[in-house]
PDB file of all heavy atoms in Angstrom:
ATOM      1  N   GLY A   1       0.829  -1.192   0.000  1.00  0.00           N
ATOM      2  CA  GLY A   1       0.000   0.000   0.000  1.00  0.00           C
ATOM      3  C   GLY A   1       0.869   1.248   0.000  1.00  0.00           C
ATOM      4  O   GLY A   1       2.071   1.193  -0.282  1.00  0.00           O
ATOM      5  N   GLU A   2       0.258   2.361   0.331  1.00  0.00           N
ATOM      6  CA  GLU A   2       0.965   3.643   0.356  1.00  0.00           C
ATOM      7  C   GLU A   2       1.547   3.905   1.748  1.00  0.00           C
ATOM      8  O   GLU A   2       0.813   3.934   2.733  1.00  0.00           O
ATOM      9  CB  GLU A   2       0.013   4.782  -0.024  1.00  0.00           C
ATOM     10  CG  GLU A   2       0.659   6.158   0.020  1.00  0.00           C
ATOM     11  CD  GLU A   2      -0.324   7.284  -0.178  1.00  0.00           C
ATOM     12  OE1 GLU A   2      -1.499   6.999  -0.513  1.00  0.00           O
ATOM     13  OE2 GLU A   2       0.058   8.452   0.026  1.00  0.00           O
ATOM     14  N   ILE A   3       2.848   4.095   1.817  1.00  0.00           N
ATOM     15  CA  ILE A   3       3.483   4.395   3.105  1.00  0.00           C
ATOM     16  C   ILE A   3       3.192   5.846   3.473  1.00  0.00           C
ATOM     17  O   ILE A   3       3.577   6.772   2.763  1.00  0.00           O
ATOM     18  CB  ILE A   3       4.999   4.144   3.041  1.00  0.00           C
ATOM     19  CG1 ILE A   3       5.295   2.673   2.738  1.00  0.00           C
ATOM     20  CG2 ILE A   3       5.659   4.550   4.365  1.00  0.00           C
ATOM     21  CD1 ILE A   3       6.765   2.354   2.581  1.00  0.00           C
ATOM     22  N   LEU A   4       2.490   6.044   4.565  1.00  0.00           N
ATOM     23  CA  LEU A   4       2.150   7.384   5.032  1.00  0.00           C
ATOM     24  C   LEU A   4       3.253   7.989   5.882  1.00  0.00           C
ATOM     25  O   LEU A   4       3.489   9.199   5.851  1.00  0.00           O
ATOM     26  CB  LEU A   4       0.860   7.342   5.854  1.00  0.00           C
ATOM     27  CG  LEU A   4      -0.395   6.832   5.141  1.00  0.00           C
ATOM     28  CD1 LEU A   4      -1.533   6.681   6.140  1.00  0.00           C
ATOM     29  CD2 LEU A   4      -0.780   7.787   4.023  1.00  0.00           C
ATOM     30  N   ARG A   5       3.927   7.125   6.636  1.00  0.00           N
ATOM     31  CA  ARG A   5       4.902   7.626   7.600  1.00  0.00           C
ATOM     32  C   ARG A   5       5.722   6.458   8.135  1.00  0.00           C
ATOM     33  O   ARG A   5       5.201   5.364   8.290  1.00  0.00           O
ATOM     34  CB  ARG A   5       4.146   8.302   8.753  1.00  0.00           C
ATOM     35  CG  ARG A   5       4.979   9.011   9.796  1.00  0.00           C
ATOM     36  CD  ARG A   5       4.078   9.444  10.951  1.00  0.00           C
ATOM     37  NE  ARG A   5       4.760  10.280  11.907  1.00  0.00           N
ATOM     38  CZ  ARG A   5       4.598  11.593  11.995  1.00  0.00           C
ATOM     39  NH1 ARG A   5       3.740  12.198  11.197  1.00  0.00           N
ATOM     40  NH2 ARG A   5       5.261  12.310  12.884  1.00  0.00           N
ATOM     41  N   GLN A   6       6.996   6.692   8.387  1.00  0.00           N
ATOM     42  CA  GLN A   6       7.823   5.726   9.100  1.00  0.00           C
ATOM     43  C   GLN A   6       8.273   6.372  10.402  1.00  0.00           C
ATOM     44  O   GLN A   6       8.600   7.551  10.433  1.00  0.00           O
ATOM     45  CB  GLN A   6       9.023   5.292   8.259  1.00  0.00           C
ATOM     46  CG  GLN A   6       8.638   4.366   7.113  1.00  0.00           C
ATOM     47  CD  GLN A   6       9.820   3.723   6.439  1.00  0.00           C
ATOM     48  OE1 GLN A   6      10.899   4.287   6.412  1.00  0.00           O
ATOM     49  NE2 GLN A   6       9.614   2.535   5.887  1.00  0.00           N
ATOM     50  N   ASP A   7       8.252   5.587  11.451  1.00  0.00           N
ATOM     51  CA  ASP A   7       8.488   6.152  12.778  1.00  0.00           C
ATOM     52  C   ASP A   7       9.314   5.181  13.615  1.00  0.00           C
ATOM     53  O   ASP A   7       9.258   3.962  13.417  1.00  0.00           O
ATOM     54  CB  ASP A   7       7.139   6.411  13.456  1.00  0.00           C
ATOM     55  CG  ASP A   7       7.210   7.506  14.502  1.00  0.00           C
ATOM     56  OD1 ASP A   7       8.339   7.942  14.834  1.00  0.00           O
ATOM     57  OD2 ASP A   7       6.145   7.924  14.991  1.00  0.00           O
ATOM     58  N   ALA A   8      10.058   5.738  14.550  1.00  0.00           N
ATOM     59  CA  ALA A   8      10.831   4.908  15.477  1.00  0.00           C
ATOM     60  C   ALA A   8       9.898   4.294  16.521  1.00  0.00           C
ATOM     61  O   ALA A   8       8.917   4.916  16.947  1.00  0.00           O
ATOM     62  CB  ALA A   8      11.893   5.759  16.166  1.00  0.00           C
ATOM     63  N   THR A   9      10.188   3.066  16.911  1.00  0.00           N
ATOM     64  CA  THR A   9       9.486   2.429  18.019  1.00  0.00           C
ATOM     65  C   THR A   9      10.328   2.629  19.274  1.00  0.00           C
ATOM     66  O   THR A   9      11.524   2.351  19.265  1.00  0.00           O
ATOM     67  CB  THR A   9       9.277   0.922  17.759  1.00  0.00           C
ATOM     68  OG1 THR A   9       8.634   0.756  16.492  1.00  0.00           O
ATOM     69  CG2 THR A   9       8.416   0.304  18.840  1.00  0.00           C
ATOM     70  N   VAL A  10       9.708   3.132  20.338  1.00  0.00           N
ATOM     71  CA  VAL A  10      10.471   3.505  21.534  1.00  0.00           C
ATOM     72  C   VAL A  10       9.841   2.900  22.789  1.00  0.00           C
ATOM     73  O   VAL A  10       8.652   2.569  22.824  1.00  0.00           O
ATOM     74  CB  VAL A  10      10.540   5.043  21.693  1.00  0.00           C
ATOM     75  CG1 VAL A  10      11.312   5.661  20.540  1.00  0.00           C
ATOM     76  CG2 VAL A  10       9.136   5.645  21.788  1.00  0.00           C
ATOM     77  N   TRP A  11      10.690   2.763  23.811  1.00  0.00           N
ATOM     78  CA  TRP A  11      10.228   2.354  25.145  1.00  0.00           C
ATOM     79  C   TRP A  11       9.760   3.590  25.886  1.00  0.00           C
ATOM     80  O   TRP A  11      10.380   4.657  25.789  1.00  0.00           O
ATOM     81  CB  TRP A  11      11.363   1.712  25.924  1.00  0.00           C
ATOM     82  CG  TRP A  11      11.951   0.481  25.312  1.00  0.00           C
ATOM     83  CD1 TRP A  11      13.073   0.396  24.546  1.00  0.00           C
ATOM     84  CD2 TRP A  11      11.453  -0.864  25.437  1.00  0.00           C
ATOM     85  NE1 TRP A  11      13.320  -0.903  24.172  1.00  0.00           N
ATOM     86  CE2 TRP A  11      12.344  -1.704  24.702  1.00  0.00           C
ATOM     87  CE3 TRP A  11      10.361  -1.446  26.085  1.00  0.00           C
ATOM     88  CZ2 TRP A  11      12.160  -3.086  24.612  1.00  0.00           C
ATOM     89  CZ3 TRP A  11      10.177  -2.817  25.996  1.00  0.00           C
ATOM     90  CH2 TRP A  11      11.067  -3.624  25.274  1.00  0.00           C
ATOM     91  N   VAL A  12       8.668   3.491  26.655  1.00  0.00           N
ATOM     92  CA  VAL A  12       8.149   4.642  27.398  1.00  0.00           C
ATOM     93  C   VAL A  12       7.817   4.245  28.835  1.00  0.00           C
ATOM     94  O   VAL A  12       7.427   3.109  29.118  1.00  0.00           O
ATOM     95  CB  VAL A  12       6.890   5.227  26.723  1.00  0.00           C
ATOM     96  CG1 VAL A  12       7.250   5.914  25.419  1.00  0.00           C
ATOM     97  CG2 VAL A  12       5.833   4.160  26.490  1.00  0.00           C
ATOM     98  N   VAL A  13       7.980   5.229  29.720  1.00  0.00           N
ATOM     99  CA  VAL A  13       7.658   5.059  31.128  1.00  0.00           C
ATOM    100  C   VAL A  13       7.143   6.403  31.634  1.00  0.00           C
ATOM    101  O   VAL A  13       7.435   7.445  31.041  1.00  0.00           O
ATOM    102  CB  VAL A  13       8.906   4.615  31.934  1.00  0.00           C
ATOM    103  CG1 VAL A  13       9.941   5.729  31.997  1.00  0.00           C
ATOM    104  CG2 VAL A  13       8.532   4.143  33.339  1.00  0.00           C
ATOM    105  N   ALA A  14       6.375   6.398  32.720  1.00  0.00           N
ATOM    106  CA  ALA A  14       5.908   7.653  33.304  1.00  0.00           C
ATOM    107  C   ALA A  14       7.103   8.452  33.823  1.00  0.00           C
ATOM    108  O   ALA A  14       8.033   7.895  34.411  1.00  0.00           O
ATOM    109  CB  ALA A  14       4.920   7.373  34.435  1.00  0.00           C
ATOM    110  N   GLU A  15       7.092   9.747  33.579  1.00  0.00           N
ATOM    111  CA  GLU A  15       8.218  10.604  33.975  1.00  0.00           C
ATOM    112  C   GLU A  15       8.504  10.531  35.467  1.00  0.00           C
ATOM    113  O   GLU A  15       9.654  10.590  35.896  1.00  0.00           O
ATOM    114  CB  GLU A  15       7.928  12.058  33.582  1.00  0.00           C
ATOM    115  CG  GLU A  15       8.139  12.358  32.112  1.00  0.00           C
ATOM    116  CD  GLU A  15       7.937  13.832  31.798  1.00  0.00           C
ATOM    117  OE1 GLU A  15       7.321  14.530  32.646  1.00  0.00           O
ATOM    118  OE2 GLU A  15       8.374  14.285  30.729  1.00  0.00           O
ATOM    119  N   SER A  16       7.474  10.411  36.285  1.00  0.00           N
ATOM    120  CA  SER A  16       7.630  10.491  37.736  1.00  0.00           C
ATOM    121  C   SER A  16       7.898   9.143  38.390  1.00  0.00           C
ATOM    122  O   SER A  16       7.885   9.040  39.621  1.00  0.00           O
ATOM    123  CB  SER A  16       6.373  11.121  38.352  1.00  0.00           C
ATOM    124  OG  SER A  16       5.218  10.365  38.001  1.00  0.00           O
ATOM    125  N   HIS A  17       8.146   8.094  37.586  1.00  0.00           N
ATOM    126  CA  HIS A  17       8.351   6.764  38.156  1.00  0.00           C
ATOM    127  C   HIS A  17       9.660   6.158  37.662  1.00  0.00           C
ATOM    128  O   HIS A  17      10.149   6.479  36.577  1.00  0.00           O
ATOM    129  CB  HIS A  17       7.186   5.831  37.795  1.00  0.00           C
ATOM    130  CG  HIS A  17       5.885   6.224  38.433  1.00  0.00           C
ATOM    131  ND1 HIS A  17       5.444   5.700  39.622  1.00  0.00           N
ATOM    132  CD2 HIS A  17       4.938   7.110  38.048  1.00  0.00           C
ATOM    133  CE1 HIS A  17       4.270   6.239  39.938  1.00  0.00           C
ATOM    134  NE2 HIS A  17       3.945   7.086  38.996  1.00  0.00           N
ATOM    135  N   SER A  18      10.231   5.283  38.464  1.00  0.00           N
ATOM    136  CA  SER A  18      11.449   4.565  38.085  1.00  0.00           C
ATOM    137  C   SER A  18      11.138   3.080  37.921  1.00  0.00           C
ATOM    138  O   SER A  18      11.952   2.222  38.249  1.00  0.00           O
ATOM    139  CB  SER A  18      12.537   4.763  39.151  1.00  0.00           C
ATOM    140  OG  SER A  18      12.065   4.339  40.427  1.00  0.00           O
ATOM    141  N   LEU A  19       9.941   2.823  37.422  1.00  0.00           N
ATOM    142  CA  LEU A  19       9.462   1.461  37.263  1.00  0.00           C
ATOM    143  C   LEU A  19      10.366   0.630  36.362  1.00  0.00           C
ATOM    144  O   LEU A  19      10.449  -0.593  36.495  1.00  0.00           O
ATOM    145  CB  LEU A  19       8.042   1.502  36.678  1.00  0.00           C
ATOM    146  CG  LEU A  19       7.214   0.229  36.747  1.00  0.00           C
ATOM    147  CD1 LEU A  19       6.784  -0.020  38.187  1.00  0.00           C
ATOM    148  CD2 LEU A  19       5.983   0.366  35.855  1.00  0.00           C
ATOM    149  N   HIS A  20      11.069   1.306  35.450  1.00  0.00           N
ATOM    150  CA  HIS A  20      11.904   0.590  34.482  1.00  0.00           C
ATOM    151  C   HIS A  20      13.094  -0.105  35.141  1.00  0.00           C
ATOM    152  O   HIS A  20      13.781  -0.893  34.498  1.00  0.00           O
ATOM    153  CB  HIS A  20      12.405   1.569  33.414  1.00  0.00           C
ATOM    154  CG  HIS A  20      13.198   2.717  33.964  1.00  0.00           C
ATOM    155  ND1 HIS A  20      12.627   3.743  34.682  1.00  0.00           N
ATOM    156  CD2 HIS A  20      14.531   2.982  33.906  1.00  0.00           C
ATOM    157  CE1 HIS A  20      13.575   4.604  35.033  1.00  0.00           C
ATOM    158  NE2 HIS A  20      14.733   4.165  34.584  1.00  0.00           N
ATOM    159  N   GLN A  21      13.329   0.173  36.422  1.00  0.00           N
ATOM    160  CA  GLN A  21      14.441  -0.460  37.128  1.00  0.00           C
ATOM    161  C   GLN A  21      14.021  -1.745  37.845  1.00  0.00           C
ATOM    162  O   GLN A  21      14.859  -2.436  38.421  1.00  0.00           O
ATOM    163  CB  GLN A  21      15.024   0.539  38.139  1.00  0.00           C
ATOM    164  CG  GLN A  21      15.602   1.787  37.490  1.00  0.00           C
ATOM    165  CD  GLN A  21      16.066   2.809  38.511  1.00  0.00           C
ATOM    166  OE1 GLN A  21      15.920   2.626  39.726  1.00  0.00           O
ATOM    167  NE2 GLN A  21      16.651   3.906  38.028  1.00  0.00           N
ATOM    168  N   GLN A  22      12.732  -2.071  37.821  1.00  0.00           N
ATOM    169  CA  GLN A  22      12.247  -3.251  38.536  1.00  0.00           C
ATOM    170  C   GLN A  22      12.626  -4.547  37.808  1.00  0.00           C
ATOM    171  O   GLN A  22      12.822  -4.569  36.605  1.00  0.00           O
ATOM    172  CB  GLN A  22      10.724  -3.198  38.685  1.00  0.00           C
ATOM    173  CG  GLN A  22      10.218  -2.183  39.694  1.00  0.00           C
ATOM    174  CD  GLN A  22       8.724  -2.320  39.936  1.00  0.00           C
ATOM    175  OE1 GLN A  22       8.094  -3.318  39.550  1.00  0.00           O
ATOM    176  NE2 GLN A  22       8.151  -1.333  40.599  1.00  0.00           N
ATOM    177  N   THR A  23      12.730  -5.606  38.584  1.00  0.00           N
ATOM    178  CA  THR A  23      12.952  -6.949  38.044  1.00  0.00           C
ATOM    179  C   THR A  23      11.987  -7.919  38.747  1.00  0.00           C
ATOM    180  O   THR A  23      11.978  -7.967  39.987  1.00  0.00           O
ATOM    181  CB  THR A  23      14.396  -7.414  38.276  1.00  0.00           C
ATOM    182  OG1 THR A  23      15.289  -6.491  37.640  1.00  0.00           O
ATOM    183  CG2 THR A  23      14.614  -8.800  37.683  1.00  0.00           C
ATOM    184  N   PRO A  24      11.187  -8.655  37.987  1.00  0.00           N
ATOM    185  CA  PRO A  24      11.055  -8.577  36.526  1.00  0.00           C
ATOM    186  C   PRO A  24      10.350  -7.293  36.101  1.00  0.00           C
ATOM    187  O   PRO A  24       9.567  -6.729  36.866  1.00  0.00           O
ATOM    188  CB  PRO A  24      10.224  -9.815  36.186  1.00  0.00           C
ATOM    189  CG  PRO A  24       9.410 -10.051  37.421  1.00  0.00           C
ATOM    190  CD  PRO A  24      10.306  -9.688  38.568  1.00  0.00           C
ATOM    191  N   LEU A  25      10.629  -6.865  34.898  1.00  0.00           N
ATOM    192  CA  LEU A  25      10.087  -5.609  34.372  1.00  0.00           C
ATOM    193  C   LEU A  25       8.608  -5.793  34.014  1.00  0.00           C
ATOM    194  O   LEU A  25       8.274  -6.656  33.194  1.00  0.00           O
ATOM    195  CB  LEU A  25      10.874  -5.196  33.132  1.00  0.00           C
ATOM    196  CG  LEU A  25      10.412  -3.932  32.413  1.00  0.00           C
ATOM    197  CD1 LEU A  25      10.748  -2.704  33.246  1.00  0.00           C
ATOM    198  CD2 LEU A  25      11.055  -3.849  31.033  1.00  0.00           C
ATOM    199  N   PRO A  26       7.702  -4.993  34.598  1.00  0.00           N
ATOM    200  CA  PRO A  26       6.284  -5.093  34.212  1.00  0.00           C
ATOM    201  C   PRO A  26       6.038  -4.368  32.884  1.00  0.00           C
ATOM    202  O   PRO A  26       6.423  -3.212  32.720  1.00  0.00           O
ATOM    203  CB  PRO A  26       5.556  -4.404  35.372  1.00  0.00           C
ATOM    204  CG  PRO A  26       6.559  -3.445  35.928  1.00  0.00           C
ATOM    205  CD  PRO A  26       7.906  -4.050  35.716  1.00  0.00           C
ATOM    206  N   LEU A  27       5.411  -5.039  31.956  1.00  0.00           N
ATOM    207  CA  LEU A  27       5.153  -4.477  30.635  1.00  0.00           C
ATOM    208  C   LEU A  27       3.655  -4.324  30.388  1.00  0.00           C
ATOM    209  O   LEU A  27       2.844  -5.118  30.871  1.00  0.00           O
ATOM    210  CB  LEU A  27       5.728  -5.373  29.542  1.00  0.00           C
ATOM    211  CG  LEU A  27       7.252  -5.541  29.486  1.00  0.00           C
ATOM    212  CD1 LEU A  27       7.621  -6.527  28.385  1.00  0.00           C
ATOM    213  CD2 LEU A  27       7.934  -4.197  29.255  1.00  0.00           C
ATOM    214  N   ALA A  28       3.310  -3.309  29.613  1.00  0.00           N
ATOM    215  CA  ALA A  28       1.951  -3.127  29.100  1.00  0.00           C
ATOM    216  C   ALA A  28       2.067  -3.116  27.580  1.00  0.00           C
ATOM    217  O   ALA A  28       2.651  -2.187  27.005  1.00  0.00           O
ATOM    218  CB  ALA A  28       1.344  -1.826  29.609  1.00  0.00           C
ATOM    219  N   LEU A  29       1.526  -4.138  26.911  1.00  0.00           N
ATOM    220  CA  LEU A  29       1.739  -4.298  25.473  1.00  0.00           C
ATOM    221  C   LEU A  29       0.423  -4.564  24.753  1.00  0.00           C
ATOM    222  O   LEU A  29      -0.573  -4.968  25.354  1.00  0.00           O
ATOM    223  CB  LEU A  29       2.694  -5.464  25.207  1.00  0.00           C
ATOM    224  CG  LEU A  29       4.108  -5.329  25.795  1.00  0.00           C
ATOM    225  CD1 LEU A  29       4.894  -6.609  25.561  1.00  0.00           C
ATOM    226  CD2 LEU A  29       4.839  -4.125  25.190  1.00  0.00           C
ATOM    227  N   PHE A  30       0.458  -4.295  23.444  1.00  0.00           N
ATOM    228  CA  PHE A  30      -0.695  -4.609  22.609  1.00  0.00           C
ATOM    229  C   PHE A  30      -0.923  -6.118  22.593  1.00  0.00           C
ATOM    230  O   PHE A  30       0.010  -6.910  22.722  1.00  0.00           O
ATOM    231  CB  PHE A  30      -0.481  -4.109  21.185  1.00  0.00           C
ATOM    232  CG  PHE A  30      -0.539  -2.618  21.052  1.00  0.00           C
ATOM    233  CD1 PHE A  30       0.618  -1.879  20.814  1.00  0.00           C
ATOM    234  CD2 PHE A  30      -1.743  -1.942  21.153  1.00  0.00           C
ATOM    235  CE1 PHE A  30       0.564  -0.509  20.691  1.00  0.00           C
ATOM    236  CE2 PHE A  30      -1.803  -0.564  21.029  1.00  0.00           C
ATOM    237  CZ  PHE A  30      -0.647   0.161  20.796  1.00  0.00           C
ATOM    238  N   GLU A  31      -2.170  -6.497  22.384  1.00  0.00           N
ATOM    239  CA  GLU A  31      -2.518  -7.912  22.309  1.00  0.00           C
ATOM    240  C   GLU A  31      -1.880  -8.563  21.083  1.00  0.00           C
ATOM    241  O   GLU A  31      -1.602  -7.909  20.081  1.00  0.00           O
ATOM    242  CB  GLU A  31      -4.049  -8.082  22.223  1.00  0.00           C
ATOM    243  CG  GLU A  31      -4.785  -7.787  23.510  1.00  0.00           C
ATOM    244  CD  GLU A  31      -6.281  -8.006  23.363  1.00  0.00           C
ATOM    245  OE1 GLU A  31      -6.737  -8.219  22.204  1.00  0.00           O
ATOM    246  OE2 GLU A  31      -6.985  -7.957  24.374  1.00  0.00           O
ATOM    247  N   GLU A  32      -1.658  -9.860  21.169  1.00  0.00           N
ATOM    248  CA  GLU A  32      -1.234 -10.630  20.011  1.00  0.00           C
ATOM    249  C   GLU A  32      -2.392 -10.703  18.991  1.00  0.00           C
ATOM    250  O   GLU A  32      -3.564 -10.682  19.388  1.00  0.00           O
ATOM    251  CB  GLU A  32      -0.851 -12.051  20.444  1.00  0.00           C
ATOM    252  CG  GLU A  32       0.389 -12.109  21.312  1.00  0.00           C
ATOM    253  CD  GLU A  32       1.674 -12.009  20.486  1.00  0.00           C
ATOM    254  OE1 GLU A  32       1.601 -11.578  19.303  1.00  0.00           O
ATOM    255  OE2 GLU A  32       2.722 -12.352  21.016  1.00  0.00           O
ATOM    256  N   PRO A  33      -2.086 -10.785  17.677  1.00  0.00           N
ATOM    257  CA  PRO A  33      -0.738 -10.719  17.105  1.00  0.00           C
ATOM    258  C   PRO A  33      -0.318  -9.262  16.916  1.00  0.00           C
ATOM    259  O   PRO A  33      -1.084  -8.468  16.372  1.00  0.00           O
ATOM    260  CB  PRO A  33      -0.909 -11.411  15.754  1.00  0.00           C
ATOM    261  CG  PRO A  33      -2.331 -11.120  15.379  1.00  0.00           C
ATOM    262  CD  PRO A  33      -3.116 -11.062  16.659  1.00  0.00           C
ATOM    263  N   CYS A  34       0.871  -8.923  17.363  1.00  0.00           N
ATOM    264  CA  CYS A  34       1.385  -7.558  17.243  1.00  0.00           C
ATOM    265  C   CYS A  34       2.894  -7.641  17.119  1.00  0.00           C
ATOM    266  O   CYS A  34       3.566  -8.136  18.028  1.00  0.00           O
ATOM    267  CB  CYS A  34       0.987  -6.730  18.457  1.00  0.00           C
ATOM    268  SG  CYS A  34       1.766  -5.098  18.512  1.00  0.00           S
ATOM    269  N   PHE A  35       3.422  -7.174  15.986  1.00  0.00           N
ATOM    270  CA  PHE A  35       4.870  -7.286  15.794  1.00  0.00           C
ATOM    271  C   PHE A  35       5.629  -6.396  16.770  1.00  0.00           C
ATOM    272  O   PHE A  35       6.754  -6.703  17.165  1.00  0.00           O
ATOM    273  CB  PHE A  35       5.267  -6.952  14.350  1.00  0.00           C
ATOM    274  CG  PHE A  35       5.125  -5.509  13.973  1.00  0.00           C
ATOM    275  CD1 PHE A  35       6.145  -4.606  14.210  1.00  0.00           C
ATOM    276  CD2 PHE A  35       3.976  -5.048  13.354  1.00  0.00           C
ATOM    277  CE1 PHE A  35       6.024  -3.271  13.861  1.00  0.00           C
ATOM    278  CE2 PHE A  35       3.845  -3.719  12.992  1.00  0.00           C
ATOM    279  CZ  PHE A  35       4.870  -2.831  13.247  1.00  0.00           C
ATOM    280  N   CYS A  36       5.019  -5.292  17.221  1.00  0.00           N
ATOM    281  CA  CYS A  36       5.676  -4.427  18.207  1.00  0.00           C
ATOM    282  C   CYS A  36       5.855  -5.190  19.518  1.00  0.00           C
ATOM    283  O   CYS A  36       6.919  -5.114  20.153  1.00  0.00           O
ATOM    284  CB  CYS A  36       4.841  -3.167  18.413  1.00  0.00           C
ATOM    285  SG  CYS A  36       5.606  -1.950  19.508  1.00  0.00           S
ATOM    286  N   ARG A  37       4.833  -5.921  19.923  1.00  0.00           N
ATOM    287  CA  ARG A  37       4.923  -6.740  21.132  1.00  0.00           C
ATOM    288  C   ARG A  37       6.012  -7.800  20.966  1.00  0.00           C
ATOM    289  O   ARG A  37       6.820  -8.022  21.866  1.00  0.00           O
ATOM    290  CB  ARG A  37       3.573  -7.389  21.402  1.00  0.00           C
ATOM    291  CG  ARG A  37       3.577  -8.379  22.572  1.00  0.00           C
ATOM    292  CD  ARG A  37       2.207  -9.010  22.732  1.00  0.00           C
ATOM    293  NE  ARG A  37       2.164 -10.009  23.803  1.00  0.00           N
ATOM    294  CZ  ARG A  37       1.230 -10.063  24.731  1.00  0.00           C
ATOM    295  NH1 ARG A  37       0.246  -9.189  24.730  1.00  0.00           N
ATOM    296  NH2 ARG A  37       1.251 -11.003  25.648  1.00  0.00           N
ATOM    297  N   ARG A  38       6.012  -8.447  19.798  1.00  0.00           N
ATOM    298  CA  ARG A  38       7.008  -9.495  19.554  1.00  0.00           C
ATOM    299  C   ARG A  38       8.428  -8.941  19.604  1.00  0.00           C
ATOM    300  O   ARG A  38       9.316  -9.533  20.226  1.00  0.00           O
ATOM    301  CB  ARG A  38       6.738 -10.138  18.187  1.00  0.00           C
ATOM    302  CG  ARG A  38       7.656 -11.324  17.883  1.00  0.00           C
ATOM    303  CD  ARG A  38       7.286 -11.998  16.581  1.00  0.00           C
ATOM    304  NE  ARG A  38       7.619 -11.178  15.412  1.00  0.00           N
ATOM    305  CZ  ARG A  38       6.735 -10.561  14.643  1.00  0.00           C
ATOM    306  NH1 ARG A  38       5.442 -10.626  14.924  1.00  0.00           N
ATOM    307  NH2 ARG A  38       7.126  -9.861  13.588  1.00  0.00           N
ATOM    308  N   HIS A  39       8.646  -7.800  18.956  1.00  0.00           N
ATOM    309  CA  HIS A  39       9.982  -7.209  18.954  1.00  0.00           C
ATOM    310  C   HIS A  39      10.409  -6.789  20.362  1.00  0.00           C
ATOM    311  O   HIS A  39      11.582  -6.934  20.736  1.00  0.00           O
ATOM    312  CB  HIS A  39      10.025  -5.998  18.018  1.00  0.00           C
ATOM    313  CG  HIS A  39      10.035  -6.361  16.567  1.00  0.00           C
ATOM    314  ND1 HIS A  39      10.887  -7.307  16.039  1.00  0.00           N
ATOM    315  CD2 HIS A  39       9.305  -5.894  15.521  1.00  0.00           C
ATOM    316  CE1 HIS A  39      10.682  -7.412  14.738  1.00  0.00           C
ATOM    317  NE2 HIS A  39       9.727  -6.566  14.396  1.00  0.00           N
ATOM    318  N   ALA A  40       9.479  -6.244  21.128  1.00  0.00           N
ATOM    319  CA  ALA A  40       9.806  -5.801  22.484  1.00  0.00           C
ATOM    320  C   ALA A  40      10.234  -6.985  23.355  1.00  0.00           C
ATOM    321  O   ALA A  40      11.260  -6.936  24.045  1.00  0.00           O
ATOM    322  CB  ALA A  40       8.615  -5.073  23.103  1.00  0.00           C
ATOM    323  N   CYS A  41       9.453  -8.053  23.312  1.00  0.00           N
ATOM    324  CA  CYS A  41       9.779  -9.234  24.127  1.00  0.00           C
ATOM    325  C   CYS A  41      11.083  -9.890  23.669  1.00  0.00           C
ATOM    326  O   CYS A  41      11.915 -10.289  24.498  1.00  0.00           O
ATOM    327  CB  CYS A  41       8.636 -10.235  24.069  1.00  0.00           C
ATOM    328  SG  CYS A  41       7.104  -9.673  24.872  1.00  0.00           S
ATOM    329  N   ASN A  42      11.265  -9.988  22.360  1.00  0.00           N
ATOM    330  CA  ASN A  42      12.495 -10.598  21.843  1.00  0.00           C
ATOM    331  C   ASN A  42      13.725  -9.780  22.210  1.00  0.00           C
ATOM    332  O   ASN A  42      14.783 -10.335  22.537  1.00  0.00           O
ATOM    333  CB  ASN A  42      12.405 -10.748  20.321  1.00  0.00           C
ATOM    334  CG  ASN A  42      11.427 -11.835  19.902  1.00  0.00           C
ATOM    335  OD1 ASN A  42      11.032 -12.663  20.715  1.00  0.00           O
ATOM    336  ND2 ASN A  42      11.027 -11.831  18.647  1.00  0.00           N
ATOM    337  N   ALA A  43      13.596  -8.443  22.144  1.00  0.00           N
ATOM    338  CA  ALA A  43      14.734  -7.578  22.465  1.00  0.00           C
ATOM    339  C   ALA A  43      15.131  -7.722  23.928  1.00  0.00           C
ATOM    340  O   ALA A  43      16.325  -7.782  24.260  1.00  0.00           O
ATOM    341  CB  ALA A  43      14.389  -6.126  22.141  1.00  0.00           C
ATOM    342  N   LEU A  44      14.152  -7.786  24.818  1.00  0.00           N
ATOM    343  CA  LEU A  44      14.458  -7.956  26.240  1.00  0.00           C
ATOM    344  C   LEU A  44      15.066  -9.328  26.504  1.00  0.00           C
ATOM    345  O   LEU A  44      16.002  -9.459  27.316  1.00  0.00           O
ATOM    346  CB  LEU A  44      13.191  -7.767  27.074  1.00  0.00           C
ATOM    347  CG  LEU A  44      12.614  -6.351  27.118  1.00  0.00           C
ATOM    348  CD1 LEU A  44      11.278  -6.344  27.848  1.00  0.00           C
ATOM    349  CD2 LEU A  44      13.592  -5.384  27.782  1.00  0.00           C
ATOM    350  N   ALA A  45      14.564 -10.358  25.830  1.00  0.00           N
ATOM    351  CA  ALA A  45      15.100 -11.702  26.019  1.00  0.00           C
ATOM    352  C   ALA A  45      16.558 -11.775  25.561  1.00  0.00           C
ATOM    353  O   ALA A  45      17.404 -12.373  26.242  1.00  0.00           O
ATOM    354  CB  ALA A  45      14.250 -12.710  25.251  1.00  0.00           C
ATOM    355  N   ARG A  46      16.864 -11.145  24.429  1.00  0.00           N
ATOM    356  CA  ARG A  46      18.249 -11.147  23.945  1.00  0.00           C
ATOM    357  C   ARG A  46      19.176 -10.387  24.879  1.00  0.00           C
ATOM    358  O   ARG A  46      20.351 -10.727  25.014  1.00  0.00           O
ATOM    359  CB  ARG A  46      18.305 -10.534  22.537  1.00  0.00           C
ATOM    360  CG  ARG A  46      17.742 -11.431  21.437  1.00  0.00           C
ATOM    361  CD  ARG A  46      18.131 -10.906  20.065  1.00  0.00           C
ATOM    362  NE  ARG A  46      17.622  -9.556  19.847  1.00  0.00           N
ATOM    363  CZ  ARG A  46      16.463  -9.286  19.280  1.00  0.00           C
ATOM    364  NH1 ARG A  46      15.667 -10.285  18.888  1.00  0.00           N
ATOM    365  NH2 ARG A  46      16.067  -8.049  19.105  1.00  0.00           N
TER     366      ARG A  46
END
């Protein structure tokens, strides 16, 4: 189809929280099937 826009995929967290330092890391992701979810989980696993 027609590419409207290409954009970076980024990790986000609330500015006022340091939740990203927790182990295990709690994630909020789109439901399957979602390639963004797959890439996020694979990247953390690697």
